[in-house]
Amino acid sequence: MISPGQKNSTKLLPEFIQAIDDLFVKLELTYHYQFYKVFGDDDKLLTGKKIWAKNLKKFKPSIIVQATDWLISNQDFLPTLSDLAKICSSINNDLIRKDVANEELDNFERFDKKILEKLRKKHNI
């Protein structure tokens, strides 16, 4: 039972759970022999999903999907959790840089318009 004002932080979003499930299906289909060596029975698979989900929960589901797709296209062997986390971080950082760059560009465009307006007023244009 949760006390009033207390948040339930253990509940995972359905999109996140789906991303983790899809991750494991893609790993199984892409690296089948290696996958079964590591996650060969139900207990290992369930434990693996929990460990990976716990360590990837800071990333959006879309980032996990992008990282998974990149890894299975570029890596010959079953990736580790740290491999996936590094790719997720890289994608996340790229998205942050793009957001900042777009924000800076927006600010620059507004800055230019203000200067242009001042120059127009100054020169009676």
N, C-alpha and C. Protein backbone atom coordinates (compact mmCIF):
# COMPACT_ATOMS: atom_id res chain seq x y z
N MET A 1 0.85 -1.18 0.00
CA MET A 1 0.00 0.00 0.00
C MET A 1 0.89 1.24 0.00
N ILE A 2 0.51 2.23 -0.80
CA ILE A 2 1.28 3.46 -0.92
C ILE A 2 0.61 4.54 -0.09
N SER A 3 1.44 5.24 0.69
CA SER A 3 0.93 6.33 1.51
C SER A 3 0.56 7.51 0.62
N PRO A 4 -0.38 8.37 1.09
CA PRO A 4 -0.72 9.56 0.31
C PRO A 4 0.52 10.41 0.04
N GLY A 5 0.68 10.86 -1.19
CA GLY A 5 1.82 11.69 -1.57
C GLY A 5 3.04 10.89 -1.97
N GLN A 6 3.03 9.58 -1.73
CA GLN A 6 4.16 8.74 -2.10
C GLN A 6 3.95 8.21 -3.51
N LYS A 7 5.02 8.21 -4.30
CA LYS A 7 4.92 7.75 -5.67
C LYS A 7 5.29 6.28 -5.76
N ASN A 8 4.63 5.58 -6.66
CA ASN A 8 4.94 4.18 -6.92
C ASN A 8 6.00 4.15 -8.01
N SER A 9 7.28 4.07 -7.62
CA SER A 9 8.38 4.16 -8.57
C SER A 9 8.74 2.82 -9.21
N THR A 10 8.13 1.75 -8.76
CA THR A 10 8.49 0.44 -9.29
C THR A 10 7.66 0.05 -10.51
N LYS A 11 6.64 0.82 -10.84
CA LYS A 11 5.79 0.50 -11.97
C LYS A 11 6.47 0.93 -13.28
N LEU A 12 6.63 -0.02 -14.18
CA LEU A 12 7.26 0.27 -15.47
C LEU A 12 6.19 0.54 -16.51
N LEU A 13 6.49 1.42 -17.41
CA LEU A 13 5.56 1.74 -18.48
C LEU A 13 5.43 0.55 -19.44
N PRO A 14 4.23 0.33 -19.96
CA PRO A 14 4.05 -0.78 -20.92
C PRO A 14 4.99 -0.67 -22.12
N GLU A 15 5.28 0.56 -22.59
CA GLU A 15 6.18 0.74 -23.73
C GLU A 15 7.59 0.28 -23.38
N PHE A 16 8.01 0.52 -22.15
CA PHE A 16 9.34 0.08 -21.71
C PHE A 16 9.40 -1.44 -21.64
N ILE A 17 8.38 -2.04 -21.06
CA ILE A 17 8.34 -3.51 -20.97
C ILE A 17 8.34 -4.12 -22.37
N GLN A 18 7.59 -3.52 -23.28
CA GLN A 18 7.55 -4.01 -24.66
C GLN A 18 8.92 -3.87 -25.31
N ALA A 19 9.63 -2.77 -25.05
CA ALA A 19 10.97 -2.57 -25.62
C ALA A 19 11.94 -3.64 -25.12
N ILE A 20 11.84 -4.00 -23.84
CA ILE A 20 12.71 -5.03 -23.28
C ILE A 20 12.35 -6.40 -23.88
N ASP A 21 11.07 -6.70 -23.98
CA ASP A 21 10.65 -7.96 -24.60
C ASP A 21 11.12 -8.04 -26.05
N ASP A 22 10.95 -6.95 -26.79
CA ASP A 22 11.39 -6.92 -28.19
C ASP A 22 12.90 -7.08 -28.30
N LEU A 23 13.62 -6.45 -27.37
CA LEU A 23 15.07 -6.57 -27.33
C LEU A 23 15.48 -8.04 -27.24
N PHE A 24 14.87 -8.77 -26.32
CA PHE A 24 15.24 -10.17 -26.12
C PHE A 24 14.81 -11.05 -27.30
N VAL A 25 13.69 -10.74 -27.92
CA VAL A 25 13.27 -11.50 -29.10
C VAL A 25 14.27 -11.27 -30.23
N LYS A 26 14.67 -10.01 -30.44
CA LYS A 26 15.63 -9.71 -31.50
C LYS A 26 16.98 -10.36 -31.23
N LEU A 27 17.41 -10.33 -29.97
CA LEU A 27 18.68 -10.99 -29.63
C LEU A 27 18.60 -12.50 -29.88
N GLU A 28 17.47 -13.09 -29.50
CA GLU A 28 17.28 -14.52 -29.70
C GLU A 28 17.32 -14.90 -31.18
N LEU A 29 16.63 -14.13 -32.00
CA LEU A 29 16.57 -14.44 -33.42
C LEU A 29 17.88 -14.15 -34.15
N THR A 30 18.62 -13.16 -33.67
CA THR A 30 19.86 -12.77 -34.34
C THR A 30 21.05 -13.61 -33.89
N TYR A 31 21.12 -13.89 -32.61
CA TYR A 31 22.28 -14.59 -32.04
C TYR A 31 21.85 -15.90 -31.39
N HIS A 32 21.04 -16.68 -32.07
CA HIS A 32 20.35 -17.82 -31.47
C HIS A 32 21.25 -18.74 -30.66
N TYR A 33 22.36 -19.24 -31.17
CA TYR A 33 23.19 -20.19 -30.40
C TYR A 33 23.81 -19.51 -29.18
N GLN A 34 24.34 -18.32 -29.38
CA GLN A 34 24.93 -17.58 -28.26
C GLN A 34 23.87 -17.22 -27.23
N PHE A 35 22.70 -16.83 -27.72
CA PHE A 35 21.60 -16.44 -26.84
C PHE A 35 21.21 -17.61 -25.93
N TYR A 36 21.04 -18.80 -26.52
CA TYR A 36 20.63 -19.96 -25.73
C TYR A 36 21.71 -20.41 -24.76
N LYS A 37 22.95 -20.14 -25.08
CA LYS A 37 24.03 -20.47 -24.16
C LYS A 37 23.96 -19.61 -22.90
N VAL A 38 23.57 -18.35 -23.08
CA VAL A 38 23.48 -17.42 -21.94
C VAL A 38 22.12 -17.48 -21.26
N PHE A 39 21.05 -17.47 -22.04
CA PHE A 39 19.69 -17.39 -21.50
C PHE A 39 18.90 -18.67 -21.80
N GLY A 40 19.53 -19.82 -21.65
CA GLY A 40 18.99 -21.08 -22.12
C GLY A 40 17.78 -21.65 -21.42
N ASP A 41 17.45 -21.20 -20.23
CA ASP A 41 16.25 -21.71 -19.58
C ASP A 41 15.40 -20.54 -19.07
N ASP A 42 14.18 -20.84 -18.67
CA ASP A 42 13.24 -19.78 -18.27
C ASP A 42 13.75 -18.94 -17.12
N ASP A 43 14.41 -19.57 -16.13
CA ASP A 43 14.93 -18.81 -14.99
C ASP A 43 16.01 -17.82 -15.41
N LYS A 44 16.92 -18.26 -16.26
CA LYS A 44 17.98 -17.37 -16.73
C LYS A 44 17.41 -16.25 -17.59
N LEU A 45 16.44 -16.58 -18.43
CA LEU A 45 15.82 -15.56 -19.28
C LEU A 45 15.11 -14.51 -18.43
N LEU A 46 14.33 -14.94 -17.46
CA LEU A 46 13.61 -14.01 -16.60
C LEU A 46 14.58 -13.15 -15.79
N THR A 47 15.61 -13.77 -15.25
CA THR A 47 16.62 -13.02 -14.49
C THR A 47 17.34 -12.04 -15.39
N GLY A 48 17.69 -12.48 -16.59
CA GLY A 48 18.35 -11.60 -17.55
C GLY A 48 17.50 -10.39 -17.90
N LYS A 49 16.22 -10.62 -18.17
CA LYS A 49 15.32 -9.52 -18.50
C LYS A 49 15.23 -8.52 -17.35
N LYS A 50 15.17 -9.03 -16.12
CA LYS A 50 15.09 -8.14 -14.96
C LYS A 50 16.35 -7.30 -14.81
N ILE A 51 17.51 -7.95 -14.98
CA ILE A 51 18.78 -7.23 -14.84
C ILE A 51 18.91 -6.17 -15.94
N TRP A 52 18.62 -6.55 -17.16
CA TRP A 52 18.73 -5.60 -18.27
C TRP A 52 17.73 -4.46 -18.11
N ALA A 53 16.50 -4.78 -17.73
CA ALA A 53 15.47 -3.74 -17.55
C ALA A 53 15.89 -2.77 -16.44
N LYS A 54 16.38 -3.30 -15.35
CA LYS A 54 16.80 -2.45 -14.22
C LYS A 54 17.89 -1.48 -14.66
N ASN A 55 18.81 -1.94 -15.47
CA ASN A 55 19.93 -1.11 -15.89
C ASN A 55 19.64 -0.22 -17.09
N LEU A 56 18.56 -0.49 -17.79
CA LEU A 56 18.20 0.32 -18.96
C LEU A 56 17.02 1.25 -18.70
N LYS A 57 16.48 1.24 -17.49
CA LYS A 57 15.25 2.00 -17.22
C LYS A 57 15.43 3.51 -17.33
N LYS A 58 16.67 3.99 -17.35
CA LYS A 58 16.89 5.43 -17.49
C LYS A 58 16.74 5.90 -18.93
N PHE A 59 16.61 4.96 -19.87
CA PHE A 59 16.49 5.31 -21.28
C PHE A 59 15.04 5.17 -21.75
N LYS A 60 14.66 6.02 -22.68
CA LYS A 60 13.34 5.92 -23.28
C LYS A 60 13.25 4.63 -24.10
N PRO A 61 12.07 4.05 -24.19
CA PRO A 61 11.91 2.84 -25.01
C PRO A 61 12.38 3.01 -26.45
N SER A 62 12.14 4.16 -27.03
CA SER A 62 12.55 4.38 -28.42
C SER A 62 14.07 4.33 -28.57
N ILE A 63 14.79 4.77 -27.55
CA ILE A 63 16.25 4.72 -27.59
C ILE A 63 16.73 3.28 -27.48
N ILE A 64 16.08 2.49 -26.63
CA ILE A 64 16.43 1.08 -26.50
C ILE A 64 16.22 0.35 -27.83
N VAL A 65 15.12 0.65 -28.50
CA VAL A 65 14.83 0.03 -29.79
C VAL A 65 15.88 0.43 -30.82
N GLN A 66 16.23 1.70 -30.89
CA GLN A 66 17.24 2.17 -31.83
C GLN A 66 18.59 1.51 -31.56
N ALA A 67 18.97 1.44 -30.30
CA ALA A 67 20.26 0.85 -29.93
C ALA A 67 20.28 -0.64 -30.27
N THR A 68 19.18 -1.32 -30.00
CA THR A 68 19.09 -2.75 -30.32
C THR A 68 19.24 -2.97 -31.82
N ASP A 69 18.52 -2.19 -32.60
CA ASP A 69 18.59 -2.34 -34.05
C ASP A 69 19.99 -2.05 -34.56
N TRP A 70 20.65 -1.04 -33.99
CA TRP A 70 22.02 -0.73 -34.41
C TRP A 70 22.95 -1.89 -34.07
N LEU A 71 22.84 -2.42 -32.86
CA LEU A 71 23.73 -3.50 -32.44
C LEU A 71 23.57 -4.76 -33.29
N ILE A 72 22.33 -5.15 -33.54
CA ILE A 72 22.15 -6.40 -34.31
C ILE A 72 22.58 -6.23 -35.76
N SER A 73 22.65 -5.01 -36.23
CA SER A 73 23.12 -4.76 -37.59
C SER A 73 24.64 -4.63 -37.67
N ASN A 74 25.29 -4.36 -36.54
CA ASN A 74 26.71 -4.03 -36.57
C ASN A 74 27.61 -4.92 -35.71
N GLN A 75 27.04 -5.83 -34.98
CA GLN A 75 27.85 -6.65 -34.07
C GLN A 75 27.64 -8.13 -34.37
N ASP A 76 28.75 -8.83 -34.54
CA ASP A 76 28.68 -10.25 -34.90
C ASP A 76 28.33 -11.16 -33.73
N PHE A 77 28.62 -10.72 -32.53
CA PHE A 77 28.41 -11.56 -31.36
C PHE A 77 27.35 -10.96 -30.44
N LEU A 78 26.76 -11.81 -29.63
CA LEU A 78 25.74 -11.38 -28.67
C LEU A 78 26.26 -10.21 -27.85
N PRO A 79 25.58 -9.06 -27.91
CA PRO A 79 26.04 -7.91 -27.14
C PRO A 79 25.81 -8.11 -25.65
N THR A 80 26.63 -7.46 -24.88
CA THR A 80 26.46 -7.47 -23.43
C THR A 80 25.54 -6.31 -23.04
N LEU A 81 25.13 -6.33 -21.81
CA LEU A 81 24.33 -5.23 -21.28
C LEU A 81 25.10 -3.92 -21.40
N SER A 82 26.38 -3.94 -21.09
CA SER A 82 27.16 -2.69 -21.17
C SER A 82 27.29 -2.22 -22.62
N ASP A 83 27.36 -3.15 -23.59
CA ASP A 83 27.37 -2.74 -25.00
C ASP A 83 26.11 -1.95 -25.33
N LEU A 84 24.97 -2.49 -24.92
CA LEU A 84 23.70 -1.83 -25.22
C LEU A 84 23.58 -0.51 -24.48
N ALA A 85 23.99 -0.47 -23.23
CA ALA A 85 23.91 0.77 -22.45
C ALA A 85 24.77 1.87 -23.07
N LYS A 86 25.94 1.51 -23.57
CA LYS A 86 26.82 2.50 -24.22
C LYS A 86 26.16 3.07 -25.46
N ILE A 87 25.55 2.21 -26.27
CA ILE A 87 24.88 2.68 -27.48
C ILE A 87 23.68 3.55 -27.11
N CYS A 88 22.92 3.14 -26.10
CA CYS A 88 21.77 3.94 -25.64
C CYS A 88 22.26 5.33 -25.19
N SER A 89 23.33 5.37 -24.43
CA SER A 89 23.89 6.65 -23.97
C SER A 89 24.31 7.51 -25.14
N SER A 90 24.95 6.89 -26.12
CA SER A 90 25.40 7.63 -27.29
C SER A 90 24.22 8.22 -28.06
N ILE A 91 23.18 7.42 -28.27
CA ILE A 91 21.98 7.91 -28.96
C ILE A 91 21.33 9.02 -28.15
N ASN A 92 21.23 8.82 -26.84
CA ASN A 92 20.62 9.81 -25.96
C ASN A 92 21.40 11.12 -26.02
N ASN A 93 22.74 11.04 -25.96
CA ASN A 93 23.57 12.25 -26.02
C ASN A 93 23.43 12.95 -27.36
N ASP A 94 23.35 12.18 -28.44
CA ASP A 94 23.15 12.78 -29.77
C ASP A 94 21.82 13.53 -29.83
N LEU A 95 20.78 12.94 -29.26
CA LEU A 95 19.47 13.60 -29.24
C LEU A 95 19.51 14.88 -28.42
N ILE A 96 20.21 14.84 -27.30
CA ILE A 96 20.34 16.04 -26.46
C ILE A 96 21.10 17.13 -27.21
N ARG A 97 22.21 16.74 -27.88
CA ARG A 97 22.98 17.71 -28.65
C ARG A 97 22.13 18.32 -29.76
N LYS A 98 21.33 17.50 -30.43
CA LYS A 98 20.47 18.01 -31.50
C LYS A 98 19.44 18.98 -30.95
N ASP A 99 18.85 18.65 -29.78
CA ASP A 99 17.88 19.55 -29.16
C ASP A 99 18.53 20.88 -28.81
N VAL A 100 19.73 20.84 -28.24
CA VAL A 100 20.44 22.06 -27.86
C VAL A 100 20.80 22.86 -29.11
N ALA A 101 21.27 22.18 -30.14
CA ALA A 101 21.63 22.86 -31.39
C ALA A 101 20.40 23.52 -32.00
N ASN A 102 19.27 22.83 -32.01
CA ASN A 102 18.04 23.41 -32.55
C ASN A 102 17.59 24.60 -31.72
N GLU A 103 17.74 24.49 -30.39
CA GLU A 103 17.37 25.60 -29.52
C GLU A 103 18.28 26.79 -29.78
N GLU A 104 19.59 26.54 -29.94
CA GLU A 104 20.52 27.62 -30.22
C GLU A 104 20.19 28.26 -31.56
N LEU A 105 19.84 27.45 -32.55
CA LEU A 105 19.48 27.97 -33.86
C LEU A 105 18.23 28.82 -33.75
N ASP A 106 17.25 28.37 -32.99
CA ASP A 106 16.04 29.16 -32.79
C ASP A 106 16.38 30.50 -32.14
N ASN A 107 17.22 30.47 -31.11
CA ASN A 107 17.62 31.70 -30.43
C ASN A 107 18.37 32.62 -31.39
N PHE A 108 19.23 32.06 -32.22
CA PHE A 108 19.98 32.85 -33.17
C PHE A 108 19.06 33.52 -34.17
N GLU A 109 18.06 32.77 -34.65
CA GLU A 109 17.11 33.35 -35.61
C GLU A 109 16.33 34.49 -34.98
N ARG A 110 15.92 34.33 -33.74
CA ARG A 110 15.20 35.41 -33.06
C ARG A 110 16.12 36.60 -32.86
N PHE A 111 17.37 36.35 -32.54
CA PHE A 111 18.34 37.40 -32.34
C PHE A 111 18.52 38.19 -33.63
N ASP A 112 18.64 37.48 -34.75
CA ASP A 112 18.79 38.14 -36.04
C ASP A 112 17.59 39.01 -36.37
N LYS A 113 16.40 38.55 -36.09
CA LYS A 113 15.20 39.31 -36.38
C LYS A 113 15.15 40.59 -35.56
N LYS A 114 15.55 40.53 -34.32
CA LYS A 114 15.56 41.71 -33.46
C LYS A 114 16.55 42.75 -33.97
N ILE A 115 17.73 42.28 -34.35
CA ILE A 115 18.73 43.21 -34.89
C ILE A 115 18.24 43.81 -36.19
N LEU A 116 17.65 42.99 -37.03
CA LEU A 116 17.13 43.47 -38.30
C LEU A 116 16.07 44.55 -38.08
N GLU A 117 15.19 44.31 -37.12
CA GLU A 117 14.17 45.30 -36.81
C GLU A 117 14.80 46.60 -36.32
N LYS A 118 15.81 46.52 -35.47
CA LYS A 118 16.50 47.72 -34.98
C LYS A 118 17.17 48.48 -36.13
N LEU A 119 17.82 47.73 -37.01
CA LEU A 119 18.48 48.36 -38.15
C LEU A 119 17.46 49.03 -39.06
N ARG A 120 16.31 48.39 -39.28
CA ARG A 120 15.27 48.97 -40.12
C ARG A 120 14.76 50.29 -39.52
N LYS A 121 14.56 50.29 -38.21
CA LYS A 121 14.10 51.50 -37.54
C LYS A 121 15.16 52.61 -37.62
N LYS A 122 16.40 52.20 -37.38
CA LYS A 122 17.51 53.15 -37.38
C LYS A 122 17.66 53.81 -38.74
N HIS A 123 17.51 53.05 -39.81
CA HIS A 123 17.72 53.55 -41.16
C HIS A 123 16.42 53.86 -41.88
N ASN A 124 15.34 53.86 -41.14
CA ASN A 124 14.01 54.17 -41.70
C ASN A 124 13.69 53.32 -42.93
N ILE A 125 13.85 52.03 -42.79
CA ILE A 125 13.57 51.13 -43.90
C ILE A 125 12.23 50.47 -43.68
